[in-house]
Amino acid sequence: MLTIQEHRENNFTVSRAQSTVNNVLSAIGFGSGEKFYVMSEPEILSVKSSDADDGRAGSGAKSLIIKGARRVNNDQIDYITETLELNGTSYVTTAYQYSEIYSIEIEQYGSLGINKGNITISKVLGEGYEVLFTLDALEGVKKNSLFVAPLSMGIKQLNVFINSVDGDKIDFTSVFFEVIIKKLPALPFGKFSSLAFDPDTSPGAQIARYMCSGGVTTIEMYDYLNPSDIIYCMAKNVTNTDSYTVSTEVVLYER
């Protein structure tokens, strides 16, 4: 356990994600068939919407925040957070080069209060574009449970929130979810660049497995991570076939 003094001296990071999960083991925060791309070299990204109202003067999304990283070498990840102003159906480019993308979140909205169209983040491929990440219309935020440790870190705790999709009250004693944390050890630069990383079929090592009931579960962990280790959460309903909203928070600290 961390002492009070250690709590005061460490910097903490919280990795949050959410998915609708039934009785099939699924990676939290990833859509069906969605992959996490680690490119073979850092790339400038191109961003646009499918609707002209997503832009400075429109009623939809005006700007978004991109969070990702640039791999410098085999043991260094530089985190990047960038705000980008949208220009409807025309491409705008990022100011930074990215090796991977972790989340997209709308920063400013128009009167609609949400993104009106599908927002895509792409890289240039030949004379066209390859879509790497999509923020669906009316979604507003796209976050997965994946975290890449930029330096030696530890996992302090895992918080799990389980709620019924239709708004009905949960019987906390009758609904249980299996929640798994997986880890892929630090990887060479561009390891996944050819096939990308599919979290639902990844051979990542299971470092923790818990049974969580409906509502809120808090679990103290204190597992260590090496620089560039990749972790993510998976879950499935082990009680029945019903779908529930599963949210995870992984609290990490610098060692």
Protein backbone atom coordinates (compact mmCIF):
# COMPACT_ATOMS: atom_id res chain seq x y z
CA MET A 1 0.00 0.00 0.00
CA LEU A 2 1.17 3.55 -0.66
CA THR A 3 1.84 5.61 2.42
CA ILE A 4 0.34 9.10 2.77
CA GLN A 5 3.77 10.55 1.97
CA GLU A 6 4.09 8.39 -1.15
CA HIS A 7 0.63 9.51 -2.27
CA ARG A 8 1.76 13.13 -2.00
CA GLU A 9 4.99 12.57 -3.92
CA ASN A 10 3.60 10.62 -6.88
CA ASN A 11 1.87 11.88 -10.01
CA PHE A 12 -1.34 10.01 -10.78
CA THR A 13 -3.01 9.23 -14.13
CA VAL A 14 -6.54 7.87 -14.63
CA SER A 15 -7.36 5.87 -17.77
CA ARG A 16 -11.16 5.75 -18.30
CA ALA A 17 -13.31 3.84 -20.79
CA GLN A 18 -16.87 2.57 -21.27
CA SER A 19 -18.66 -0.10 -23.32
CA THR A 20 -21.94 -1.95 -23.55
CA VAL A 21 -21.07 -5.57 -22.69
CA ASN A 22 -23.05 -8.83 -22.74
CA ASN A 23 -21.86 -12.41 -22.19
CA VAL A 24 -19.03 -12.19 -24.76
CA LEU A 25 -15.60 -11.18 -23.45
CA SER A 26 -14.97 -7.74 -24.98
CA ALA A 27 -12.30 -5.06 -24.74
CA ILE A 28 -13.70 -1.99 -22.95
CA GLY A 29 -14.02 1.13 -25.07
CA PHE A 30 -13.39 -0.53 -28.42
CA GLY A 31 -16.15 -0.83 -30.99
CA SER A 32 -16.86 -4.05 -32.85
CA GLY A 33 -13.80 -4.99 -34.91
CA GLU A 34 -12.02 -1.80 -33.87
CA LYS A 35 -8.24 -1.90 -33.73
CA PHE A 36 -5.52 0.14 -32.12
CA TYR A 37 -2.92 1.25 -34.64
CA VAL A 38 0.77 1.66 -33.93
CA MET A 39 2.26 3.09 -37.10
CA SER A 40 5.69 2.18 -38.38
CA GLU A 41 6.74 5.82 -38.17
CA PRO A 42 5.21 9.02 -36.76
CA GLU A 43 2.60 10.56 -39.06
CA ILE A 44 0.84 13.90 -39.44
CA LEU A 45 -2.90 13.15 -39.17
CA SER A 46 -5.75 14.48 -41.31
CA VAL A 47 -9.14 15.13 -39.69
CA LYS A 48 -12.56 15.92 -41.19
CA SER A 49 -16.28 15.40 -40.61
CA SER A 50 -18.93 13.95 -42.89
CA ASP A 51 -21.12 17.00 -42.15
CA ALA A 52 -20.40 20.64 -43.00
CA ASP A 53 -21.98 21.78 -39.71
CA ASP A 54 -18.99 20.46 -37.76
CA GLY A 55 -16.78 23.53 -37.89
CA ARG A 56 -16.16 26.98 -36.46
CA ALA A 57 -19.45 28.49 -37.69
CA GLY A 58 -21.59 25.33 -37.56
CA SER A 59 -24.11 23.97 -35.09
CA GLY A 60 -22.17 20.75 -34.43
CA ALA A 61 -18.65 20.18 -33.13
CA LYS A 62 -16.29 23.13 -33.44
CA SER A 63 -13.04 21.68 -32.12
CA LEU A 64 -11.80 18.42 -30.67
CA ILE A 65 -9.02 17.15 -28.43
CA ILE A 66 -6.79 14.36 -29.70
CA LYS A 67 -4.74 12.34 -27.22
CA GLY A 68 -2.04 10.03 -28.48
CA ALA A 69 1.69 9.53 -28.49
CA ARG A 70 4.82 9.48 -30.61
CA ARG A 71 7.23 6.58 -30.25
CA VAL A 72 10.77 7.99 -30.18
CA ASN A 73 12.61 4.68 -29.83
CA ASN A 74 12.10 1.26 -28.30
CA ASP A 75 11.78 2.54 -24.75
CA GLN A 76 10.37 6.06 -25.00
CA ILE A 77 6.81 7.27 -25.56
CA ASP A 78 6.13 11.00 -25.84
CA TYR A 79 2.50 11.76 -24.95
CA ILE A 80 0.66 14.34 -27.06
CA THR A 81 -2.54 16.27 -26.34
CA GLU A 82 -3.67 18.57 -29.13
CA THR A 83 -6.70 20.78 -29.76
CA LEU A 84 -7.76 20.93 -33.41
CA GLU A 85 -10.37 23.24 -34.97
CA LEU A 86 -12.66 21.46 -37.45
CA ASN A 87 -13.53 22.72 -40.93
CA GLY A 88 -16.57 20.67 -41.88
CA THR A 89 -15.96 18.18 -44.69
CA SER A 90 -12.52 19.61 -45.50
CA TYR A 91 -9.41 18.05 -44.04
CA VAL A 92 -7.42 19.84 -41.34
CA THR A 93 -4.03 18.50 -40.26
CA THR A 94 -2.49 18.03 -36.83
CA ALA A 95 0.42 20.13 -35.65
CA TYR A 96 2.21 17.05 -34.32
CA GLN A 97 3.19 13.65 -35.66
CA TYR A 98 1.57 10.64 -33.98
CA SER A 99 2.56 7.00 -33.75
CA GLU A 100 -0.69 6.03 -32.04
CA ILE A 101 -4.08 7.49 -31.04
CA TYR A 102 -5.77 6.89 -27.69
CA SER A 103 -8.85 9.09 -27.61
CA ILE A 104 -10.87 11.78 -29.36
CA GLU A 105 -13.13 14.16 -27.46
CA ILE A 106 -15.15 17.15 -28.65
CA GLU A 107 -13.90 20.29 -26.93
CA GLN A 108 -16.34 22.95 -28.21
CA TYR A 109 -19.85 22.60 -29.66
CA GLY A 110 -22.34 24.73 -31.48
CA SER A 111 -26.07 24.88 -30.67
CA LEU A 112 -26.53 21.15 -31.37
CA GLY A 113 -24.26 20.27 -28.43
CA ILE A 114 -22.68 17.26 -30.18
CA ASN A 115 -20.86 16.33 -33.38
CA LYS A 116 -23.35 16.22 -36.26
CA GLY A 117 -21.33 13.99 -38.58
CA ASN A 118 -18.85 11.15 -38.40
CA ILE A 119 -15.41 12.57 -37.61
CA THR A 120 -12.50 10.58 -39.01
CA ILE A 121 -8.80 10.73 -38.22
CA SER A 122 -6.69 9.44 -41.09
CA LYS A 123 -3.16 9.18 -42.37
CA VAL A 124 -2.12 9.79 -45.96
CA LEU A 125 -1.82 6.56 -47.94
CA GLY A 126 -0.54 6.99 -51.48
CA GLU A 127 -2.90 9.43 -53.17
CA GLY A 128 -5.69 8.81 -50.66
CA TYR A 129 -6.31 8.40 -46.93
CA GLU A 130 -6.47 5.47 -44.51
CA VAL A 131 -8.98 5.97 -41.68
CA LEU A 132 -7.44 5.10 -38.30
CA PHE A 133 -10.07 6.31 -35.85
CA THR A 134 -13.72 7.33 -36.14
CA LEU A 135 -15.88 9.37 -33.80
CA ASP A 136 -19.42 8.46 -34.81
CA ALA A 137 -22.11 11.11 -35.28
CA LEU A 138 -23.79 12.19 -32.03
CA GLU A 139 -21.16 10.33 -29.97
CA GLY A 140 -19.06 13.22 -28.67
CA VAL A 141 -16.23 11.17 -27.19
CA LYS A 142 -14.24 8.09 -28.13
CA LYS A 143 -12.09 6.61 -25.37
CA ASN A 144 -10.76 3.11 -24.98
CA SER A 145 -9.24 1.45 -21.94
CA LEU A 146 -5.83 1.13 -23.51
CA PHE A 147 -2.91 2.79 -21.75
CA VAL A 148 0.74 2.90 -22.78
CA ALA A 149 3.11 3.57 -19.89
CA PRO A 150 5.43 6.49 -20.78
CA LEU A 151 7.83 5.57 -17.96
CA SER A 152 8.02 3.18 -15.02
CA MET A 153 4.56 3.27 -13.51
CA GLY A 154 2.41 1.24 -11.16
CA ILE A 155 -1.29 0.41 -11.24
CA LYS A 156 -2.73 1.67 -7.97
CA GLN A 157 -6.33 0.53 -8.35
CA LEU A 158 -9.12 -0.49 -10.68
CA ASN A 159 -12.60 1.02 -10.38
CA VAL A 160 -15.47 -0.76 -12.16
CA PHE A 161 -18.95 0.72 -12.66
CA ILE A 162 -21.75 -1.56 -13.96
CA ASN A 163 -25.21 -0.24 -14.83
CA SER A 164 -28.13 -1.65 -16.79
CA VAL A 165 -28.51 -0.30 -20.31
CA ASP A 166 -32.29 0.25 -20.15
CA GLY A 167 -32.15 2.23 -16.90
CA ASP A 168 -33.73 -0.46 -14.71
CA LYS A 169 -32.35 -0.88 -11.22
CA ILE A 170 -29.70 -3.56 -10.75
CA ASP A 171 -29.98 -6.33 -8.21
CA PHE A 172 -26.42 -6.03 -6.92
CA THR A 173 -26.49 -9.61 -5.63
CA SER A 174 -27.51 -11.28 -8.90
CA VAL A 175 -25.44 -9.67 -11.69
CA PHE A 176 -21.74 -10.45 -11.94
CA PHE A 177 -19.13 -9.50 -14.51
CA GLU A 178 -15.70 -10.97 -15.08
CA VAL A 179 -13.24 -8.09 -15.50
CA ILE A 180 -9.74 -8.81 -16.82
CA ILE A 181 -6.71 -6.54 -17.14
CA LYS A 182 -4.30 -7.58 -19.88
CA LYS A 183 -0.77 -6.43 -20.59
CA LEU A 184 1.43 -6.54 -23.64
CA PRO A 185 5.09 -6.08 -22.69
CA ALA A 186 7.07 -3.17 -24.09
CA LEU A 187 7.27 -3.60 -27.86
CA PRO A 188 9.79 -2.61 -30.54
CA PHE A 189 8.98 0.46 -32.58
CA GLY A 190 6.31 -0.28 -35.19
CA LYS A 191 5.59 -3.79 -33.90
CA PHE A 192 1.90 -3.64 -34.85
CA SER A 193 2.28 -1.47 -37.92
CA SER A 194 1.38 -4.16 -40.48
CA LEU A 195 -1.65 -5.81 -38.86
CA ALA A 196 -2.53 -3.37 -36.10
CA PHE A 197 -3.67 -4.47 -32.64
CA ASP A 198 -7.07 -6.12 -32.23
CA PRO A 199 -7.77 -6.17 -28.47
CA ASP A 200 -10.44 -8.88 -28.71
CA THR A 201 -7.98 -11.41 -30.16
CA SER A 202 -4.69 -10.20 -28.67
CA PRO A 203 -2.50 -12.76 -26.88
CA GLY A 204 -1.72 -10.23 -24.15
CA ALA A 205 -0.87 -11.65 -20.73
CA GLN A 206 -3.63 -11.59 -18.11
CA ILE A 207 -2.25 -9.75 -15.08
CA ALA A 208 -5.48 -9.55 -13.06
CA ARG A 209 -8.98 -11.09 -13.06
CA TYR A 210 -11.86 -10.03 -10.84
CA MET A 211 -15.54 -10.77 -10.34
CA CYS A 212 -17.50 -7.52 -10.02
CA SER A 213 -21.15 -7.08 -9.08
CA GLY A 214 -23.51 -4.39 -10.30
CA GLY A 215 -22.82 -0.85 -9.12
CA VAL A 216 -19.31 0.23 -8.11
CA THR A 217 -16.34 -2.02 -7.30
CA THR A 218 -12.95 -0.65 -6.19
CA ILE A 219 -9.93 -2.97 -6.25
CA GLU A 220 -6.44 -2.17 -4.95
CA MET A 221 -3.82 -3.64 -7.31
CA TYR A 222 -0.25 -2.22 -7.07
CA ASP A 223 1.13 -3.97 -10.17
CA TYR A 224 4.26 -2.52 -11.76
CA LEU A 225 4.61 -1.52 -15.42
CA ASN A 226 7.72 -1.01 -17.51
CA PRO A 227 8.11 1.87 -19.99
CA SER A 228 5.94 1.30 -23.11
CA ASP A 229 3.97 -1.58 -21.55
CA ILE A 230 0.44 -1.65 -23.01
CA ILE A 231 -2.52 -2.44 -20.74
CA TYR A 232 -6.26 -2.60 -21.38
CA CYS A 233 -9.46 -3.92 -19.75
CA MET A 234 -11.88 -6.63 -20.88
CA ALA A 235 -15.22 -7.74 -19.41
CA LYS A 236 -18.13 -10.12 -19.87
CA ASN A 237 -21.44 -10.89 -18.17
CA VAL A 238 -21.12 -14.28 -16.44
CA THR A 239 -24.67 -14.26 -15.02
CA ASN A 240 -26.88 -14.04 -18.10
CA THR A 241 -26.93 -12.74 -21.69
CA ASP A 242 -28.19 -9.24 -20.85
CA SER A 243 -26.20 -6.17 -21.90
CA TYR A 244 -24.94 -3.70 -19.30
CA THR A 245 -22.87 -0.55 -19.42
CA VAL A 246 -19.40 -1.30 -18.03
CA SER A 247 -17.10 1.61 -17.19
CA THR A 248 -13.53 1.17 -15.99
CA GLU A 249 -11.03 3.50 -14.35
CA VAL A 250 -7.43 2.38 -14.02
CA VAL A 251 -5.52 4.63 -11.61
CA LEU A 252 -1.78 4.67 -12.28
CA TYR A 253 1.10 6.40 -10.51
CA GLU A 254 4.72 7.22 -11.32
CA ARG A 255 7.14 5.04 -9.40
